[in-house]
Amino acid sequence: MPTDRSSDRGATALRDGARERDQGADRLAASLFSEVFIADQLSRSLISRALPRGMQISHFSVLNLLAHVGEERTPAQLAEAFHVTRGAMTNTLSRLEWAGHVHIRPDWDDARRKFVSISPSGRAAREAAIAAFMPLIGDVVRDIGADRVRAALPVLRELRRRLGGEG
């Protein structure tokens, strides 16, 4: 019949094993996020250097989203999509409008709201940006290997979904 001491040792061993697994998972998580953060910084730097003069990543990102969805968005919807403040989005949209890359019009049903759409100039600027940086990121993918990149995508998508609150 087990003594209280032997059951205590067993419980302690279970707790120690769980703690080691948790620490291993924490180290793995730290390594993953470190790599993601560094890759984000380096890819932003690569793309920023390749963008046409005067275009910032935030400008390209808005143009890319508007081109991709193919319909108008409100500044609030854009701010939410990019997880930025409305003020930051207003600043980006002002610069894009000044450059002629977006059209901003009032909502005819609610004068307090506005709608944003990409202009022909914005489409051309987006295409020029893609043409400038796509060869660079294409080279990276070719160097890594298409099969390895394909294998990494499901994990990165799941990470994005979970961080975005999609479960």
C-alpha atoms as a PDB file:
ATOM      1  CA  MET A   1       0.000   0.000   0.000  1.00  0.00           C
ATOM      2  CA  PRO A   2       1.492   3.383  -0.984  1.00  0.00           C
ATOM      3  CA  THR A   3       2.512   5.737   1.744  1.00  0.00           C
ATOM      4  CA  ASP A   4       1.672   9.408   1.801  1.00  0.00           C
ATOM      5  CA  ARG A   5       5.321  10.106   0.982  1.00  0.00           C
ATOM      6  CA  SER A   6       5.319   8.044  -2.221  1.00  0.00           C
ATOM      7  CA  SER A   7       2.127   9.699  -3.437  1.00  0.00           C
ATOM      8  CA  ASP A   8       3.647  13.114  -2.625  1.00  0.00           C
ATOM      9  CA  ARG A   9       6.720  12.207  -4.694  1.00  0.00           C
ATOM     10  CA  GLY A  10       4.490  11.095  -7.558  1.00  0.00           C
ATOM     11  CA  ALA A  11       2.482  14.335  -7.454  1.00  0.00           C
ATOM     12  CA  THR A  12       5.704  16.348  -7.318  1.00  0.00           C
ATOM     13  CA  ALA A  13       7.092  14.476 -10.316  1.00  0.00           C
ATOM     14  CA  LEU A  14       3.893  15.167 -12.263  1.00  0.00           C
ATOM     15  CA  ARG A  15       4.035  18.879 -11.391  1.00  0.00           C
ATOM     16  CA  ASP A  16       7.731  19.041 -12.320  1.00  0.00           C
ATOM     17  CA  GLY A  17       7.046  17.323 -15.637  1.00  0.00           C
ATOM     18  CA  ALA A  18       4.172  19.717 -16.402  1.00  0.00           C
ATOM     19  CA  ARG A  19       6.332  22.704 -15.462  1.00  0.00           C
ATOM     20  CA  GLU A  20       9.129  21.507 -17.776  1.00  0.00           C
ATOM     21  CA  ARG A  21       6.636  21.065 -20.621  1.00  0.00           C
ATOM     22  CA  ASP A  22       5.256  24.573 -19.946  1.00  0.00           C
ATOM     23  CA  GLN A  23       8.771  26.035 -19.921  1.00  0.00           C
ATOM     24  CA  GLY A  24       9.547  24.232 -23.172  1.00  0.00           C
ATOM     25  CA  ALA A  25       6.369  25.602 -24.730  1.00  0.00           C
ATOM     26  CA  ASP A  26       7.229  29.095 -23.453  1.00  0.00           C
ATOM     27  CA  ARG A  27      10.724  28.883 -24.973  1.00  0.00           C
ATOM     28  CA  LEU A  28       9.230  27.684 -28.255  1.00  0.00           C
ATOM     29  CA  ALA A  29       6.705  30.541 -28.220  1.00  0.00           C
ATOM     30  CA  ALA A  30       9.450  33.086 -27.488  1.00  0.00           C
ATOM     31  CA  SER A  31      11.552  31.726 -30.370  1.00  0.00           C
ATOM     32  CA  LEU A  32       8.574  31.779 -32.758  1.00  0.00           C
ATOM     33  CA  PHE A  33       7.598  35.340 -31.920  1.00  0.00           C
ATOM     34  CA  SER A  34      11.203  36.507 -32.033  1.00  0.00           C
ATOM     35  CA  GLU A  35      11.545  35.121 -35.559  1.00  0.00           C
ATOM     36  CA  VAL A  36       8.189  36.625 -36.617  1.00  0.00           C
ATOM     37  CA  PHE A  37       9.127  40.065 -35.224  1.00  0.00           C
ATOM     38  CA  ILE A  38      12.542  40.070 -36.884  1.00  0.00           C
ATOM     39  CA  ALA A  39      11.129  38.795 -40.191  1.00  0.00           C
ATOM     40  CA  ASP A  40       8.487  41.562 -40.033  1.00  0.00           C
ATOM     41  CA  GLN A  41      11.133  44.244 -39.482  1.00  0.00           C
ATOM     42  CA  LEU A  42      13.401  42.943 -42.227  1.00  0.00           C
ATOM     43  CA  SER A  43      10.588  42.477 -44.751  1.00  0.00           C
ATOM     44  CA  ARG A  44       9.245  45.984 -44.050  1.00  0.00           C
ATOM     45  CA  SER A  45      12.719  47.388 -44.555  1.00  0.00           C
ATOM     46  CA  LEU A  46      13.159  45.483 -47.833  1.00  0.00           C
ATOM     47  CA  ILE A  47       9.771  46.606 -49.137  1.00  0.00           C
ATOM     48  CA  SER A  48      10.203  50.218 -47.939  1.00  0.00           C
ATOM     49  CA  ARG A  49      13.466  50.556 -49.848  1.00  0.00           C
ATOM     50  CA  ALA A  50      11.835  49.183 -53.003  1.00  0.00           C
ATOM     51  CA  LEU A  51       8.658  51.309 -52.927  1.00  0.00           C
ATOM     52  CA  PRO A  52       8.370  54.202 -55.372  1.00  0.00           C
ATOM     53  CA  ARG A  53       9.615  57.541 -54.061  1.00  0.00           C
ATOM     54  CA  GLY A  54       7.291  59.074 -51.487  1.00  0.00           C
ATOM     55  CA  MET A  55       5.243  55.913 -50.905  1.00  0.00           C
ATOM     56  CA  GLN A  56       5.230  54.374 -47.453  1.00  0.00           C
ATOM     57  CA  ILE A  57       4.177  50.868 -46.478  1.00  0.00           C
ATOM     58  CA  SER A  58       1.010  52.261 -44.881  1.00  0.00           C
ATOM     59  CA  HIS A  59       0.099  53.933 -48.195  1.00  0.00           C
ATOM     60  CA  PHE A  60       0.738  50.760 -50.170  1.00  0.00           C
ATOM     61  CA  SER A  61      -1.228  48.681 -47.662  1.00  0.00           C
ATOM     62  CA  VAL A  62      -4.326  50.879 -48.002  1.00  0.00           C
ATOM     63  CA  LEU A  63      -4.087  50.908 -51.797  1.00  0.00           C
ATOM     64  CA  ASN A  64      -3.600  47.150 -51.838  1.00  0.00           C
ATOM     65  CA  LEU A  65      -6.651  46.531 -49.642  1.00  0.00           C
ATOM     66  CA  LEU A  66      -8.860  48.875 -51.676  1.00  0.00           C
ATOM     67  CA  ALA A  67      -7.722  47.255 -54.928  1.00  0.00           C
ATOM     68  CA  HIS A  68      -8.259  43.788 -53.485  1.00  0.00           C
ATOM     69  CA  VAL A  69     -11.782  44.344 -52.100  1.00  0.00           C
ATOM     70  CA  GLY A  70     -12.858  46.353 -55.135  1.00  0.00           C
ATOM     71  CA  GLU A  71     -15.337  48.530 -53.245  1.00  0.00           C
ATOM     72  CA  GLU A  72     -15.432  51.623 -51.094  1.00  0.00           C
ATOM     73  CA  ARG A  73     -14.604  51.562 -47.401  1.00  0.00           C
ATOM     74  CA  THR A  74     -15.119  54.122 -44.668  1.00  0.00           C
ATOM     75  CA  PRO A  75     -12.057  55.512 -42.899  1.00  0.00           C
ATOM     76  CA  ALA A  76     -13.280  53.746 -39.729  1.00  0.00           C
ATOM     77  CA  GLN A  77     -13.433  50.403 -41.550  1.00  0.00           C
ATOM     78  CA  LEU A  78      -9.914  50.934 -42.868  1.00  0.00           C
ATOM     79  CA  ALA A  79      -8.613  51.888 -39.417  1.00  0.00           C
ATOM     80  CA  GLU A  80     -10.147  48.736 -37.972  1.00  0.00           C
ATOM     81  CA  ALA A  81      -8.747  46.562 -40.751  1.00  0.00           C
ATOM     82  CA  PHE A  82      -5.216  47.831 -40.067  1.00  0.00           C
ATOM     83  CA  HIS A  83      -5.556  48.008 -36.276  1.00  0.00           C
ATOM     84  CA  VAL A  84      -4.670  51.710 -36.203  1.00  0.00           C
ATOM     85  CA  THR A  85      -6.422  54.738 -34.749  1.00  0.00           C
ATOM     86  CA  ARG A  86      -8.870  56.724 -36.838  1.00  0.00           C
ATOM     87  CA  GLY A  87      -6.478  59.676 -36.600  1.00  0.00           C
ATOM     88  CA  ALA A  88      -3.612  57.645 -38.038  1.00  0.00           C
ATOM     89  CA  MET A  89      -5.844  56.432 -40.866  1.00  0.00           C
ATOM     90  CA  THR A  90      -7.071  59.978 -41.547  1.00  0.00           C
ATOM     91  CA  ASN A  91      -3.445  61.081 -41.895  1.00  0.00           C
ATOM     92  CA  THR A  92      -2.645  58.241 -44.317  1.00  0.00           C
ATOM     93  CA  LEU A  93      -5.801  58.922 -46.352  1.00  0.00           C
ATOM     94  CA  SER A  94      -5.016  62.646 -46.519  1.00  0.00           C
ATOM     95  CA  ARG A  95      -1.604  61.891 -47.984  1.00  0.00           C
ATOM     96  CA  LEU A  96      -3.079  59.402 -50.460  1.00  0.00           C
ATOM     97  CA  GLU A  97      -5.761  61.879 -51.486  1.00  0.00           C
ATOM     98  CA  TRP A  98      -3.169  64.642 -51.922  1.00  0.00           C
ATOM     99  CA  ALA A  99      -1.172  62.307 -54.202  1.00  0.00           C
ATOM    100  CA  GLY A 100      -4.350  61.549 -56.176  1.00  0.00           C
ATOM    101  CA  HIS A 101      -4.305  57.859 -55.240  1.00  0.00           C
ATOM    102  CA  VAL A 102      -7.712  57.738 -53.528  1.00  0.00           C
ATOM    103  CA  HIS A 103     -11.053  59.463 -53.889  1.00  0.00           C
ATOM    104  CA  ILE A 104     -12.838  60.462 -50.696  1.00  0.00           C
ATOM    105  CA  ARG A 105     -16.507  61.326 -50.959  1.00  0.00           C
ATOM    106  CA  PRO A 106     -19.235  62.068 -48.437  1.00  0.00           C
ATOM    107  CA  ASP A 107     -21.846  59.463 -47.598  1.00  0.00           C
ATOM    108  CA  TRP A 108     -24.987  60.808 -49.256  1.00  0.00           C
ATOM    109  CA  ASP A 109     -27.158  59.234 -46.535  1.00  0.00           C
ATOM    110  CA  ASP A 110     -25.085  60.320 -43.522  1.00  0.00           C
ATOM    111  CA  ALA A 111     -23.067  63.516 -43.925  1.00  0.00           C
ATOM    112  CA  ARG A 112     -20.888  62.585 -40.946  1.00  0.00           C
ATOM    113  CA  ARG A 113     -19.370  59.633 -42.801  1.00  0.00           C
ATOM    114  CA  LYS A 114     -17.079  59.420 -45.817  1.00  0.00           C
ATOM    115  CA  PHE A 115     -16.243  56.714 -48.296  1.00  0.00           C
ATOM    116  CA  VAL A 116     -12.810  55.982 -49.746  1.00  0.00           C
ATOM    117  CA  SER A 117     -12.075  54.338 -53.089  1.00  0.00           C
ATOM    118  CA  ILE A 118      -8.894  53.769 -55.049  1.00  0.00           C
ATOM    119  CA  SER A 119      -8.331  56.013 -58.067  1.00  0.00           C
ATOM    120  CA  PRO A 120      -6.795  54.997 -61.395  1.00  0.00           C
ATOM    121  CA  SER A 121      -3.616  56.761 -60.223  1.00  0.00           C
ATOM    122  CA  GLY A 122      -3.738  54.694 -57.022  1.00  0.00           C
ATOM    123  CA  ARG A 123      -4.065  51.470 -58.996  1.00  0.00           C
ATOM    124  CA  ALA A 124      -1.052  52.468 -61.097  1.00  0.00           C
ATOM    125  CA  ALA A 125       0.960  53.360 -57.957  1.00  0.00           C
ATOM    126  CA  ARG A 126       0.048  50.005 -56.374  1.00  0.00           C
ATOM    127  CA  GLU A 127       1.118  48.144 -59.529  1.00  0.00           C
ATOM    128  CA  ALA A 128       4.405  50.096 -59.629  1.00  0.00           C
ATOM    129  CA  ALA A 129       5.047  49.220 -55.984  1.00  0.00           C
ATOM    130  CA  ILE A 130       4.351  45.531 -56.588  1.00  0.00           C
ATOM    131  CA  ALA A 131       6.600  45.551 -59.646  1.00  0.00           C
ATOM    132  CA  ALA A 132       9.369  47.108 -57.543  1.00  0.00           C
ATOM    133  CA  PHE A 133       9.358  44.705 -54.617  1.00  0.00           C
ATOM    134  CA  MET A 134       7.948  41.460 -56.013  1.00  0.00           C
ATOM    135  CA  PRO A 135      11.249  40.378 -57.601  1.00  0.00           C
ATOM    136  CA  LEU A 136      12.964  40.843 -54.231  1.00  0.00           C
ATOM    137  CA  ILE A 137      10.491  38.758 -52.242  1.00  0.00           C
ATOM    138  CA  GLY A 138      10.256  36.251 -55.090  1.00  0.00           C
ATOM    139  CA  ASP A 139      14.009  35.737 -54.802  1.00  0.00           C
ATOM    140  CA  VAL A 140      13.671  35.071 -51.068  1.00  0.00           C
ATOM    141  CA  VAL A 141      10.984  32.437 -51.683  1.00  0.00           C
ATOM    142  CA  ARG A 142      13.057  30.803 -54.429  1.00  0.00           C
ATOM    143  CA  ASP A 143      16.102  30.742 -52.127  1.00  0.00           C
ATOM    144  CA  ILE A 144      14.129  29.133 -49.290  1.00  0.00           C
ATOM    145  CA  GLY A 145      12.291  26.764 -51.612  1.00  0.00           C
ATOM    146  CA  ALA A 146       8.659  26.796 -52.658  1.00  0.00           C
ATOM    147  CA  ASP A 147       7.851  23.538 -50.845  1.00  0.00           C
ATOM    148  CA  ARG A 148       9.233  24.823 -47.535  1.00  0.00           C
ATOM    149  CA  VAL A 149       7.310  28.094 -47.897  1.00  0.00           C
ATOM    150  CA  ARG A 150       4.087  26.200 -48.689  1.00  0.00           C
ATOM    151  CA  ALA A 151       4.650  24.058 -45.596  1.00  0.00           C
ATOM    152  CA  ALA A 152       5.064  27.164 -43.400  1.00  0.00           C
ATOM    153  CA  LEU A 153       1.936  28.963 -44.644  1.00  0.00           C
ATOM    154  CA  PRO A 154      -0.675  26.955 -42.692  1.00  0.00           C
ATOM    155  CA  VAL A 155       1.141  27.635 -39.413  1.00  0.00           C
ATOM    156  CA  LEU A 156       1.489  31.336 -40.187  1.00  0.00           C
ATOM    157  CA  ARG A 157      -2.184  31.573 -41.202  1.00  0.00           C
ATOM    158  CA  GLU A 158      -3.277  29.880 -37.983  1.00  0.00           C
ATOM    159  CA  LEU A 159      -1.041  32.222 -35.981  1.00  0.00           C
ATOM    160  CA  ARG A 160      -2.596  35.234 -37.756  1.00  0.00           C
ATOM    161  CA  ARG A 161      -6.116  33.942 -37.138  1.00  0.00           C
ATOM    162  CA  ARG A 162      -5.520  33.359 -33.454  1.00  0.00           C
ATOM    163  CA  LEU A 163      -3.804  36.691 -32.935  1.00  0.00           C
ATOM    164  CA  GLY A 164      -6.642  38.360 -34.827  1.00  0.00           C
ATOM    165  CA  GLY A 165      -9.198  36.801 -32.503  1.00  0.00           C
ATOM    166  CA  GLU A 166     -10.620  34.470 -35.125  1.00  0.00           C
ATOM    167  CA  GLY A 167     -10.207  31.460 -32.848  1.00  0.00           C
END
